[in-house]
C-alpha atoms as a PDB file:
ATOM      1  CA  MET A   1     -52.949 -29.152 -37.958  1.00  0.00           C
ATOM      2  CA  SER A   2     -49.539 -28.937 -39.963  1.00  0.00           C
ATOM      3  CA  GLU A   3     -48.758 -30.770 -42.710  1.00  0.00           C
ATOM      4  CA  ILE A   4     -46.553 -33.620 -41.258  1.00  0.00           C
ATOM      5  CA  ARG A   5     -42.869 -33.314 -42.816  1.00  0.00           C
ATOM      6  CA  ASN A   6     -41.134 -36.678 -44.062  1.00  0.00           C
ATOM      7  CA  LEU A   7     -37.709 -37.256 -45.165  1.00  0.00           C
ATOM      8  CA  ILE A   8     -37.250 -40.412 -46.952  1.00  0.00           C
ATOM      9  CA  ASN A   9     -35.306 -38.616 -50.271  1.00  0.00           C
ATOM     10  CA  ILE A  10     -32.746 -35.900 -50.216  1.00  0.00           C
ATOM     11  CA  THR A  11     -34.719 -34.482 -53.052  1.00  0.00           C
ATOM     12  CA  ASP A  12     -38.164 -34.102 -50.132  1.00  0.00           C
ATOM     13  CA  LEU A  13     -35.488 -30.843 -49.461  1.00  0.00           C
ATOM     14  CA  SER A  14     -35.417 -27.927 -51.565  1.00  0.00           C
ATOM     15  CA  LEU A  15     -31.353 -26.567 -52.015  1.00  0.00           C
ATOM     16  CA  GLU A  16     -33.198 -23.482 -49.780  1.00  0.00           C
ATOM     17  CA  GLU A  17     -34.048 -26.402 -46.841  1.00  0.00           C
ATOM     18  CA  ILE A  18     -30.593 -28.045 -47.239  1.00  0.00           C
ATOM     19  CA  ASP A  19     -28.725 -24.506 -46.740  1.00  0.00           C
ATOM     20  CA  HIS A  20     -30.839 -23.813 -43.182  1.00  0.00           C
ATOM     21  CA  LEU A  21     -29.881 -26.920 -42.359  1.00  0.00           C
ATOM     22  CA  ILE A  22     -26.349 -26.971 -42.515  1.00  0.00           C
ATOM     23  CA  ASP A  23     -26.665 -22.880 -41.107  1.00  0.00           C
ATOM     24  CA  VAL A  24     -28.773 -24.575 -37.899  1.00  0.00           C
ATOM     25  CA  ALA A  25     -25.927 -26.957 -37.599  1.00  0.00           C
ATOM     26  CA  ASN A  26     -23.571 -24.898 -37.573  1.00  0.00           C
ATOM     27  CA  ASP A  27     -25.108 -22.570 -35.106  1.00  0.00           C
ATOM     28  CA  ILE A  28     -25.672 -25.478 -32.688  1.00  0.00           C
ATOM     29  CA  VAL A  29     -21.950 -26.148 -32.744  1.00  0.00           C
ATOM     30  CA  ALA A  30     -21.176 -22.357 -32.263  1.00  0.00           C
ATOM     31  CA  ASN A  31     -24.283 -21.888 -29.122  1.00  0.00           C
ATOM     32  CA  PRO A  32     -25.055 -25.494 -27.956  1.00  0.00           C
ATOM     33  CA  THR A  33     -26.563 -24.339 -24.595  1.00  0.00           C
ATOM     34  CA  VAL A  34     -29.230 -22.761 -26.582  1.00  0.00           C
ATOM     35  CA  TYR A  35     -30.881 -26.318 -28.464  1.00  0.00           C
ATOM     36  CA  GLN A  36     -29.401 -28.413 -24.637  1.00  0.00           C
ATOM     37  CA  ASP A  37     -33.198 -28.198 -23.923  1.00  0.00           C
ATOM     38  CA  ILE A  38     -35.092 -27.112 -27.213  1.00  0.00           C
ATOM     39  CA  CYS A  39     -36.841 -30.989 -27.687  1.00  0.00           C
ATOM     40  CA  ASN A  40     -37.197 -31.385 -23.578  1.00  0.00           C
ATOM     41  CA  HIS A  41     -40.429 -33.429 -23.272  1.00  0.00           C
ATOM     42  CA  LYS A  42     -39.961 -34.934 -27.301  1.00  0.00           C
ATOM     43  CA  LYS A  43     -39.290 -38.126 -27.731  1.00  0.00           C
ATOM     44  CA  LEU A  44     -37.481 -40.357 -30.933  1.00  0.00           C
ATOM     45  CA  ALA A  45     -38.249 -43.738 -31.974  1.00  0.00           C
ATOM     46  CA  THR A  46     -35.272 -45.481 -33.834  1.00  0.00           C
ATOM     47  CA  LEU A  47     -36.558 -48.321 -35.605  1.00  0.00           C
ATOM     48  CA  PHE A  48     -33.622 -49.957 -37.022  1.00  0.00           C
ATOM     49  CA  PHE A  49     -34.686 -53.582 -38.402  1.00  0.00           C
ATOM     50  CA  GLU A  50     -30.633 -53.615 -40.305  1.00  0.00           C
ATOM     51  CA  PRO A  51     -27.648 -53.335 -38.583  1.00  0.00           C
ATOM     52  CA  SER A  52     -26.235 -49.704 -37.358  1.00  0.00           C
ATOM     53  CA  THR A  53     -23.689 -48.058 -35.239  1.00  0.00           C
ATOM     54  CA  ARG A  54     -23.282 -44.354 -37.022  1.00  0.00           C
ATOM     55  CA  THR A  55     -26.708 -43.858 -38.307  1.00  0.00           C
ATOM     56  CA  ARG A  56     -28.709 -45.029 -35.034  1.00  0.00           C
ATOM     57  CA  LEU A  57     -25.954 -43.635 -32.415  1.00  0.00           C
ATOM     58  CA  SER A  58     -25.611 -39.868 -34.075  1.00  0.00           C
ATOM     59  CA  PHE A  59     -29.327 -39.724 -33.995  1.00  0.00           C
ATOM     60  CA  GLU A  60     -29.793 -41.489 -30.386  1.00  0.00           C
ATOM     61  CA  ALA A  61     -27.300 -38.566 -29.953  1.00  0.00           C
ATOM     62  CA  ALA A  62     -28.863 -36.178 -31.273  1.00  0.00           C
ATOM     63  CA  MET A  63     -32.066 -36.145 -29.726  1.00  0.00           C
ATOM     64  CA  LEU A  64     -30.766 -36.608 -26.000  1.00  0.00           C
ATOM     65  CA  GLU A  65     -28.240 -33.328 -26.398  1.00  0.00           C
ATOM     66  CA  LEU A  66     -31.776 -31.739 -27.647  1.00  0.00           C
ATOM     67  CA  GLY A  67     -32.882 -32.370 -24.499  1.00  0.00           C
ATOM     68  CA  GLY A  68     -35.175 -35.260 -25.512  1.00  0.00           C
ATOM     69  CA  SER A  69     -35.358 -39.174 -25.157  1.00  0.00           C
ATOM     70  CA  VAL A  70     -35.212 -42.069 -27.495  1.00  0.00           C
ATOM     71  CA  LEU A  71     -36.630 -45.724 -27.424  1.00  0.00           C
ATOM     72  CA  GLY A  72     -36.546 -47.908 -30.142  1.00  0.00           C
ATOM     73  CA  PHE A  73     -34.636 -50.929 -31.525  1.00  0.00           C
ATOM     74  CA  SER A  74     -31.618 -51.850 -32.777  1.00  0.00           C
ATOM     75  CA  ALA A  75     -32.537 -55.247 -34.912  1.00  0.00           C
ATOM     76  CA  ALA A  76     -35.585 -56.769 -36.414  1.00  0.00           C
ATOM     77  CA  SER A  77     -35.173 -59.174 -34.282  1.00  0.00           C
ATOM     78  CA  SER A  78     -36.090 -57.543 -30.860  1.00  0.00           C
ATOM     79  CA  SER A  79     -38.832 -56.371 -32.592  1.00  0.00           C
ATOM     80  CA  SER A  80     -42.567 -57.713 -33.418  1.00  0.00           C
ATOM     81  CA  ALA A  81     -41.012 -57.953 -37.057  1.00  0.00           C
ATOM     82  CA  ALA A  82     -39.757 -61.581 -36.349  1.00  0.00           C
ATOM     83  CA  LYS A  83     -43.300 -61.963 -34.873  1.00  0.00           C
ATOM     84  CA  GLY A  84     -44.482 -61.052 -39.153  1.00  0.00           C
ATOM     85  CA  GLU A  85     -45.897 -57.662 -38.349  1.00  0.00           C
ATOM     86  CA  SER A  86     -45.929 -55.102 -41.137  1.00  0.00           C
ATOM     87  CA  VAL A  87     -43.963 -51.992 -41.644  1.00  0.00           C
ATOM     88  CA  SER A  88     -47.288 -50.529 -42.065  1.00  0.00           C
ATOM     89  CA  ASP A  89     -48.130 -52.261 -38.443  1.00  0.00           C
ATOM     90  CA  THR A  90     -45.237 -51.133 -36.843  1.00  0.00           C
ATOM     91  CA  ILE A  91     -45.290 -47.701 -37.753  1.00  0.00           C
ATOM     92  CA  GLN A  92     -48.838 -46.961 -36.653  1.00  0.00           C
ATOM     93  CA  THR A  93     -47.880 -48.308 -33.100  1.00  0.00           C
ATOM     94  CA  VAL A  94     -44.917 -46.880 -32.734  1.00  0.00           C
ATOM     95  CA  GLY A  95     -47.005 -42.989 -33.772  1.00  0.00           C
ATOM     96  CA  CYS A  96     -48.964 -43.562 -30.575  1.00  0.00           C
ATOM     97  CA  TYR A  97     -45.578 -43.288 -28.073  1.00  0.00           C
ATOM     98  CA  ALA A  98     -43.196 -40.869 -29.869  1.00  0.00           C
ATOM     99  CA  ASP A  99     -42.708 -37.501 -32.081  1.00  0.00           C
ATOM    100  CA  ILE A 100     -40.406 -38.096 -34.528  1.00  0.00           C
ATOM    101  CA  ILE A 101     -39.374 -41.638 -36.089  1.00  0.00           C
ATOM    102  CA  ALA A 102     -36.029 -43.116 -37.505  1.00  0.00           C
ATOM    103  CA  MET A 103     -36.067 -46.154 -39.139  1.00  0.00           C
ATOM    104  CA  ARG A 104     -33.785 -48.034 -41.002  1.00  0.00           C
ATOM    105  CA  HIS A 105     -34.865 -50.921 -43.771  1.00  0.00           C
ATOM    106  CA  PRO A 106     -32.917 -53.796 -45.598  1.00  0.00           C
ATOM    107  CA  LYS A 107     -36.318 -53.247 -47.998  1.00  0.00           C
ATOM    108  CA  GLU A 108     -35.950 -50.345 -50.508  1.00  0.00           C
ATOM    109  CA  GLY A 109     -39.506 -48.483 -50.333  1.00  0.00           C
ATOM    110  CA  ALA A 110     -40.410 -49.555 -46.918  1.00  0.00           C
ATOM    111  CA  PRO A 111     -39.820 -45.292 -45.318  1.00  0.00           C
ATOM    112  CA  ILE A 112     -42.128 -44.745 -47.966  1.00  0.00           C
ATOM    113  CA  VAL A 113     -44.973 -47.421 -47.044  1.00  0.00           C
ATOM    114  CA  ALA A 114     -43.871 -46.095 -43.693  1.00  0.00           C
ATOM    115  CA  SER A 115     -44.967 -42.140 -44.322  1.00  0.00           C
ATOM    116  CA  GLN A 116     -48.297 -42.958 -46.292  1.00  0.00           C
ATOM    117  CA  ARG A 117     -49.501 -44.784 -42.442  1.00  0.00           C
ATOM    118  CA  THR A 118     -47.597 -42.548 -40.136  1.00  0.00           C
ATOM    119  CA  THR A 119     -49.101 -39.940 -38.015  1.00  0.00           C
ATOM    120  CA  VAL A 120     -45.555 -38.582 -37.347  1.00  0.00           C
ATOM    121  CA  PRO A 121     -42.575 -37.511 -39.128  1.00  0.00           C
ATOM    122  CA  ILE A 122     -40.331 -40.146 -40.990  1.00  0.00           C
ATOM    123  CA  ILE A 123     -36.706 -40.050 -41.632  1.00  0.00           C
ATOM    124  CA  ASN A 124     -35.303 -43.054 -43.720  1.00  0.00           C
ATOM    125  CA  GLY A 125     -31.885 -43.904 -42.346  1.00  0.00           C
ATOM    126  CA  GLY A 126     -31.413 -45.943 -45.585  1.00  0.00           C
ATOM    127  CA  ASP A 127     -33.326 -48.150 -46.889  1.00  0.00           C
ATOM    128  CA  GLY A 128     -31.636 -51.430 -48.921  1.00  0.00           C
ATOM    129  CA  GLY A 129     -29.381 -50.117 -51.814  1.00  0.00           C
ATOM    130  CA  HIS A 130     -32.081 -47.161 -52.505  1.00  0.00           C
ATOM    131  CA  PHE A 131     -31.462 -44.239 -50.570  1.00  0.00           C
ATOM    132  CA  HIS A 132     -30.014 -42.981 -47.674  1.00  0.00           C
ATOM    133  CA  PRO A 133     -30.950 -39.012 -47.380  1.00  0.00           C
ATOM    134  CA  THR A 134     -29.344 -38.323 -44.022  1.00  0.00           C
ATOM    135  CA  GLN A 135     -26.074 -39.627 -44.834  1.00  0.00           C
ATOM    136  CA  THR A 136     -25.815 -37.136 -47.802  1.00  0.00           C
ATOM    137  CA  LEU A 137     -27.164 -34.177 -45.493  1.00  0.00           C
ATOM    138  CA  THR A 138     -24.070 -35.172 -43.038  1.00  0.00           C
ATOM    139  CA  ASP A 139     -21.390 -35.434 -46.280  1.00  0.00           C
ATOM    140  CA  LEU A 140     -22.988 -32.099 -47.268  1.00  0.00           C
ATOM    141  CA  LEU A 141     -22.445 -30.235 -44.067  1.00  0.00           C
ATOM    142  CA  THR A 142     -18.742 -32.017 -44.000  1.00  0.00           C
ATOM    143  CA  ILE A 143     -18.067 -30.996 -48.150  1.00  0.00           C
ATOM    144  CA  LYS A 144     -19.149 -27.056 -46.444  1.00  0.00           C
ATOM    145  CA  ARG A 145     -16.938 -27.205 -43.470  1.00  0.00           C
ATOM    146  CA  LYS A 146     -14.076 -28.595 -45.154  1.00  0.00           C
ATOM    147  CA  LYS A 147     -14.315 -26.596 -49.147  1.00  0.00           C
ATOM    148  CA  GLY A 148     -16.821 -23.396 -48.356  1.00  0.00           C
ATOM    149  CA  ARG A 149     -18.781 -24.486 -50.792  1.00  0.00           C
ATOM    150  CA  LEU A 150     -20.949 -26.686 -52.102  1.00  0.00           C
ATOM    151  CA  ASP A 151     -20.791 -25.985 -56.184  1.00  0.00           C
ATOM    152  CA  ASN A 152     -17.394 -25.502 -58.331  1.00  0.00           C
ATOM    153  CA  MET A 153     -16.192 -29.039 -57.564  1.00  0.00           C
ATOM    154  CA  THR A 154     -15.207 -32.399 -58.993  1.00  0.00           C
ATOM    155  CA  VAL A 155     -16.383 -35.408 -57.069  1.00  0.00           C
ATOM    156  CA  GLY A 156     -15.185 -38.230 -57.158  1.00  0.00           C
ATOM    157  CA  LEU A 157     -17.008 -41.776 -55.748  1.00  0.00           C
ATOM    158  CA  CYS A 158     -15.316 -44.774 -55.517  1.00  0.00           C
ATOM    159  CA  GLY A 159     -16.380 -48.583 -55.051  1.00  0.00           C
ATOM    160  CA  ASP A 160     -19.867 -49.828 -54.936  1.00  0.00           C
ATOM    161  CA  LEU A 161     -21.477 -47.893 -56.846  1.00  0.00           C
ATOM    162  CA  LYS A 162     -24.932 -50.337 -57.776  1.00  0.00           C
ATOM    163  CA  PHE A 163     -25.585 -50.913 -54.330  1.00  0.00           C
ATOM    164  CA  GLY A 164     -24.126 -48.302 -52.020  1.00  0.00           C
ATOM    165  CA  ARG A 165     -27.171 -45.940 -50.879  1.00  0.00           C
ATOM    166  CA  THR A 166     -25.142 -43.192 -50.088  1.00  0.00           C
ATOM    167  CA  VAL A 167     -23.701 -42.632 -53.159  1.00  0.00           C
ATOM    168  CA  HIS A 168     -27.180 -42.534 -54.865  1.00  0.00           C
ATOM    169  CA  SER A 169     -28.402 -39.266 -52.222  1.00  0.00           C
ATOM    170  CA  LEU A 170     -25.014 -37.799 -53.051  1.00  0.00           C
ATOM    171  CA  ILE A 171     -25.435 -37.264 -56.613  1.00  0.00           C
ATOM    172  CA  GLU A 172     -28.889 -36.739 -56.105  1.00  0.00           C
ATOM    173  CA  ALA A 173     -28.337 -33.709 -53.806  1.00  0.00           C
ATOM    174  CA  MET A 174     -25.092 -32.314 -55.729  1.00  0.00           C
ATOM    175  CA  MET A 175     -25.989 -32.167 -58.977  1.00  0.00           C
ATOM    176  CA  ARG A 176     -28.225 -29.946 -58.077  1.00  0.00           C
ATOM    177  CA  TYR A 177     -25.295 -27.246 -57.326  1.00  0.00           C
ATOM    178  CA  GLU A 178     -23.624 -25.603 -59.968  1.00  0.00           C
ATOM    179  CA  ASN A 179     -20.890 -26.901 -61.751  1.00  0.00           C
ATOM    180  CA  VAL A 180     -20.201 -29.996 -60.164  1.00  0.00           C
ATOM    181  CA  LYS A 181     -18.292 -32.635 -62.219  1.00  0.00           C
ATOM    182  CA  PHE A 182     -19.081 -36.731 -61.382  1.00  0.00           C
ATOM    183  CA  VAL A 183     -16.309 -38.997 -61.812  1.00  0.00           C
ATOM    184  CA  LEU A 184     -17.717 -42.321 -61.402  1.00  0.00           C
ATOM    185  CA  ILE A 185     -15.231 -44.852 -60.560  1.00  0.00           C
ATOM    186  CA  SER A 186     -16.063 -48.907 -60.587  1.00  0.00           C
ATOM    187  CA  PRO A 187     -15.579 -51.837 -61.233  1.00  0.00           C
ATOM    188  CA  GLN A 188     -18.523 -52.577 -64.734  1.00  0.00           C
ATOM    189  CA  GLU A 189     -20.478 -55.276 -62.678  1.00  0.00           C
ATOM    190  CA  LEU A 190     -20.928 -52.395 -59.881  1.00  0.00           C
ATOM    191  CA  GLN A 191     -21.335 -48.981 -61.818  1.00  0.00           C
ATOM    192  CA  VAL A 192     -24.251 -46.553 -60.742  1.00  0.00           C
ATOM    193  CA  PRO A 193     -27.540 -48.135 -61.891  1.00  0.00           C
ATOM    194  CA  ASP A 194     -29.384 -46.223 -64.693  1.00  0.00           C
ATOM    195  CA  TYR A 195     -31.584 -44.748 -62.652  1.00  0.00           C
ATOM    196  CA  VAL A 196     -28.751 -42.214 -61.373  1.00  0.00           C
ATOM    197  CA  LYS A 197     -27.513 -42.012 -65.066  1.00  0.00           C
ATOM    198  CA  GLU A 198     -30.729 -41.399 -66.610  1.00  0.00           C
ATOM    199  CA  SER A 199     -31.323 -38.552 -63.726  1.00  0.00           C
ATOM    200  CA  LEU A 200     -27.476 -37.692 -63.871  1.00  0.00           C
ATOM    201  CA  ASN A 201     -28.201 -36.810 -68.391  1.00  0.00           C
ATOM    202  CA  GLU A 202     -31.682 -34.930 -67.056  1.00  0.00           C
ATOM    203  CA  ASN A 203     -30.245 -32.519 -64.785  1.00  0.00           C
ATOM    204  CA  GLY A 204     -27.633 -32.111 -67.292  1.00  0.00           C
ATOM    205  CA  ALA A 205     -24.958 -32.986 -65.190  1.00  0.00           C
ATOM    206  CA  GLU A 206     -20.882 -33.686 -66.323  1.00  0.00           C
ATOM    207  CA  TRP A 207     -20.046 -37.340 -65.324  1.00  0.00           C
ATOM    208  CA  VAL A 208     -17.602 -40.322 -66.738  1.00  0.00           C
ATOM    209  CA  GLU A 209     -17.587 -43.837 -65.227  1.00  0.00           C
ATOM    210  CA  MET A 210     -13.566 -44.775 -65.327  1.00  0.00           C
ATOM    211  CA  GLU A 211     -12.137 -47.846 -63.842  1.00  0.00           C
ATOM    212  CA  SER A 212      -9.037 -46.848 -62.784  1.00  0.00           C
ATOM    213  CA  LEU A 213      -9.121 -44.658 -59.176  1.00  0.00           C
ATOM    214  CA  GLU A 214      -4.829 -43.972 -59.557  1.00  0.00           C
ATOM    215  CA  GLU A 215      -5.964 -42.216 -63.238  1.00  0.00           C
ATOM    216  CA  ALA A 216      -8.865 -40.011 -61.933  1.00  0.00           C
ATOM    217  CA  MET A 217      -7.288 -39.031 -58.482  1.00  0.00           C
ATOM    218  CA  PRO A 218      -5.433 -35.559 -59.823  1.00  0.00           C
ATOM    219  CA  GLN A 219      -8.547 -34.040 -60.799  1.00  0.00           C
ATOM    220  CA  LEU A 220     -10.772 -34.574 -57.374  1.00  0.00           C
ATOM    221  CA  ASP A 221     -11.259 -32.058 -54.980  1.00  0.00           C
ATOM    222  CA  ILE A 222     -13.759 -34.656 -52.821  1.00  0.00           C
ATOM    223  CA  LEU A 223     -13.364 -38.569 -52.982  1.00  0.00           C
ATOM    224  CA  TYR A 224     -15.899 -40.183 -51.506  1.00  0.00           C
ATOM    225  CA  MET A 225     -14.871 -44.022 -51.410  1.00  0.00           C
ATOM    226  CA  THR A 226     -17.409 -46.386 -50.313  1.00  0.00           C
ATOM    227  CA  ARG A 227     -17.647 -50.313 -48.639  1.00  0.00           C
ATOM    228  CA  ILE A 228     -17.719 -53.318 -51.533  1.00  0.00           C
ATOM    229  CA  GLN A 229     -21.266 -54.523 -49.224  1.00  0.00           C
ATOM    230  CA  LYS A 230     -21.369 -57.875 -48.850  1.00  0.00           C
ATOM    231  CA  GLU A 231     -24.346 -57.897 -47.869  1.00  0.00           C
ATOM    232  CA  ARG A 232     -25.925 -56.659 -50.859  1.00  0.00           C
ATOM    233  CA  PHE A 233     -24.534 -59.540 -52.899  1.00  0.00           C
ATOM    234  CA  PHE A 234     -26.254 -62.396 -53.929  1.00  0.00           C
ATOM    235  CA  ASN A 235     -23.330 -64.396 -55.251  1.00  0.00           C
ATOM    236  CA  GLU A 236     -20.805 -65.096 -52.369  1.00  0.00           C
ATOM    237  CA  GLU A 237     -17.999 -65.856 -55.273  1.00  0.00           C
ATOM    238  CA  ASP A 238     -18.915 -62.143 -57.428  1.00  0.00           C
ATOM    239  CA  TYR A 239     -18.013 -60.779 -53.582  1.00  0.00           C
ATOM    240  CA  VAL A 240     -15.287 -62.106 -52.958  1.00  0.00           C
ATOM    241  CA  ARG A 241     -14.009 -61.450 -56.336  1.00  0.00           C
ATOM    242  CA  LEU A 242     -14.364 -57.781 -56.088  1.00  0.00           C
ATOM    243  CA  LYS A 243     -14.057 -56.639 -52.677  1.00  0.00           C
ATOM    244  CA  ASP A 244     -10.541 -55.716 -52.814  1.00  0.00           C
ATOM    245  CA  THR A 245     -10.881 -53.834 -55.870  1.00  0.00           C
ATOM    246  CA  TYR A 246     -10.145 -50.479 -54.218  1.00  0.00           C
ATOM    247  CA  ILE A 247      -7.470 -49.887 -51.475  1.00  0.00           C
ATOM    248  CA  LEU A 248      -6.550 -46.062 -51.243  1.00  0.00           C
ATOM    249  CA  ASP A 249      -3.747 -45.601 -49.637  1.00  0.00           C
ATOM    250  CA  LEU A 250      -0.461 -43.209 -49.050  1.00  0.00           C
ATOM    251  CA  GLU A 251       1.273 -44.000 -52.709  1.00  0.00           C
ATOM    252  CA  LYS A 252      -2.367 -43.799 -54.553  1.00  0.00           C
ATOM    253  CA  LEU A 253      -3.229 -40.446 -53.134  1.00  0.00           C
ATOM    254  CA  THR A 254       0.807 -39.221 -54.288  1.00  0.00           C
ATOM    255  CA  ASN A 255      -1.123 -37.276 -57.371  1.00  0.00           C
ATOM    256  CA  ALA A 256      -4.217 -36.364 -55.376  1.00  0.00           C
ATOM    257  CA  LYS A 257      -4.923 -32.316 -54.865  1.00  0.00           C
ATOM    258  CA  GLU A 258      -3.560 -31.147 -51.529  1.00  0.00           C
ATOM    259  CA  ASP A 259      -6.764 -29.782 -50.612  1.00  0.00           C
ATOM    260  CA  LEU A 260      -8.415 -32.636 -51.313  1.00  0.00           C
ATOM    261  CA  THR A 261     -11.248 -34.255 -49.477  1.00  0.00           C
ATOM    262  CA  ILE A 262     -11.296 -38.065 -48.365  1.00  0.00           C
ATOM    263  CA  LEU A 263     -14.728 -39.185 -46.888  1.00  0.00           C
ATOM    264  CA  HIS A 264     -16.564 -42.532 -46.209  1.00  0.00           C
ATOM    265  CA  PRO A 265     -19.830 -43.576 -45.073  1.00  0.00           C
ATOM    266  CA  LEU A 266     -18.235 -44.939 -43.097  1.00  0.00           C
ATOM    267  CA  PRO A 267     -17.759 -48.864 -41.715  1.00  0.00           C
ATOM    268  CA  ARG A 268     -14.494 -49.377 -44.016  1.00  0.00           C
ATOM    269  CA  VAL A 269     -12.883 -53.511 -44.165  1.00  0.00           C
ATOM    270  CA  ASN A 270     -10.099 -52.263 -45.995  1.00  0.00           C
ATOM    271  CA  GLU A 271     -10.412 -49.945 -48.702  1.00  0.00           C
ATOM    272  CA  ILE A 272      -9.069 -47.242 -46.953  1.00  0.00           C
ATOM    273  CA  SER A 273      -5.819 -48.279 -45.326  1.00  0.00           C
ATOM    274  CA  VAL A 274      -5.317 -47.371 -41.527  1.00  0.00           C
ATOM    275  CA  GLU A 275      -2.053 -45.385 -42.657  1.00  0.00           C
ATOM    276  CA  VAL A 276      -3.945 -42.783 -44.584  1.00  0.00           C
ATOM    277  CA  ASP A 277      -6.247 -42.108 -41.023  1.00  0.00           C
ATOM    278  CA  ASN A 278      -3.350 -40.106 -40.055  1.00  0.00           C
ATOM    279  CA  ASP A 279      -3.468 -37.610 -43.710  1.00  0.00           C
ATOM    280  CA  PRO A 280      -4.490 -34.240 -42.901  1.00  0.00           C
ATOM    281  CA  ARG A 281      -6.685 -34.610 -46.710  1.00  0.00           C
ATOM    282  CA  ALA A 282      -9.041 -37.695 -44.416  1.00  0.00           C
ATOM    283  CA  CYS A 283     -12.158 -36.705 -43.123  1.00  0.00           C
ATOM    284  CA  TYR A 284     -14.001 -39.523 -42.503  1.00  0.00           C
ATOM    285  CA  PHE A 285     -14.103 -39.452 -38.518  1.00  0.00           C
ATOM    286  CA  PHE A 286     -15.156 -35.622 -38.896  1.00  0.00           C
ATOM    287  CA  GLN A 287     -17.387 -36.722 -40.968  1.00  0.00           C
ATOM    288  CA  ALA A 288     -19.239 -38.708 -38.335  1.00  0.00           C
ATOM    289  CA  LEU A 289     -19.299 -36.042 -35.744  1.00  0.00           C
ATOM    290  CA  CYS A 290     -20.553 -33.966 -38.723  1.00  0.00           C
ATOM    291  CA  GLY A 291     -23.665 -36.590 -38.727  1.00  0.00           C
ATOM    292  CA  LYS A 292     -25.048 -35.631 -35.017  1.00  0.00           C
ATOM    293  CA  HIS A 293     -24.955 -32.027 -35.854  1.00  0.00           C
ATOM    294  CA  ILE A 294     -27.192 -32.442 -38.530  1.00  0.00           C
ATOM    295  CA  ARG A 295     -29.651 -34.906 -37.665  1.00  0.00           C
ATOM    296  CA  MET A 296     -30.145 -32.349 -34.563  1.00  0.00           C
ATOM    297  CA  ALA A 297     -30.730 -29.733 -37.094  1.00  0.00           C
ATOM    298  CA  LEU A 298     -33.010 -31.845 -39.238  1.00  0.00           C
ATOM    299  CA  ILE A 299     -35.079 -33.241 -35.629  1.00  0.00           C
ATOM    300  CA  LEU A 300     -35.552 -29.636 -34.909  1.00  0.00           C
ATOM    301  CA  PHE A 301     -36.878 -28.701 -38.859  1.00  0.00           C
ATOM    302  CA  LEU A 302     -39.093 -31.677 -38.986  1.00  0.00           C
ATOM    303  CA  LEU A 303     -40.462 -31.064 -35.517  1.00  0.00           C
ATOM    304  CA  GLY A 304     -41.192 -27.690 -36.537  1.00  0.00           C
ATOM    305  CA  LEU A 305     -39.001 -26.030 -33.402  1.00  0.00           C
ATOM    306  CA  LYS A 306     -36.912 -24.499 -35.243  1.00  0.00           C
END
């Protein structure tokens, strides 16, 4: 029996495996009929202990488009977790019913616990403020499709860089590519955690912290906007004070590059004005579509079907 592969952190994948997933995702778009029955009789369980729209639905759409079926729950309140069941027990039980599990949990490290008790592949769909590797794969596919490369660029990450799990995972992935510079744009209270800075330094990555989005804008090839996440704050006053720190509008794009790619993991609140949606540089809804394609490729990879 082959070893079970899980995806807990983006670093669980080599660069060669990431490139392979991107190639498969692009082939899925080019040749959809080849893949439409490849997961016939396979079941994906989506265990979402925390609210989600794009991640959960894109996983479900991915499995359905591969010819498989889906079961699971969309809130902890509708599972036995509401009765006090542990993550470990939930995972061991669901592993009896499904061939692969996608899981989101508000507690950092919960997917690691799950991976130690699983009999089927586990995909981390986000654990608290820690990691979100499938969003990172989505981001990488989007950047590759828009830029044609994943190296030699300046990436600006703006907003909640402290609790933003998508930011942490994207930095972990992109600092492995050559000549990628990071511009970390946030208020002091929401700077990236020290362990991320240490990782950047250990990998010899070039990075700088700034508080002004306007000052950073002219040098950026990628602008990754993030939401100030109310659910991560312990203090309501801090959230209210910081929630409108960065709002991207057309005026702020005046000095941006013509081929800038604007990304956002969504959902947005007001950090990107709707007037930006019609700008050709806005790619966040295209990014959501890419999420379905890369998750299709990942499901095939972890099930050993492609």
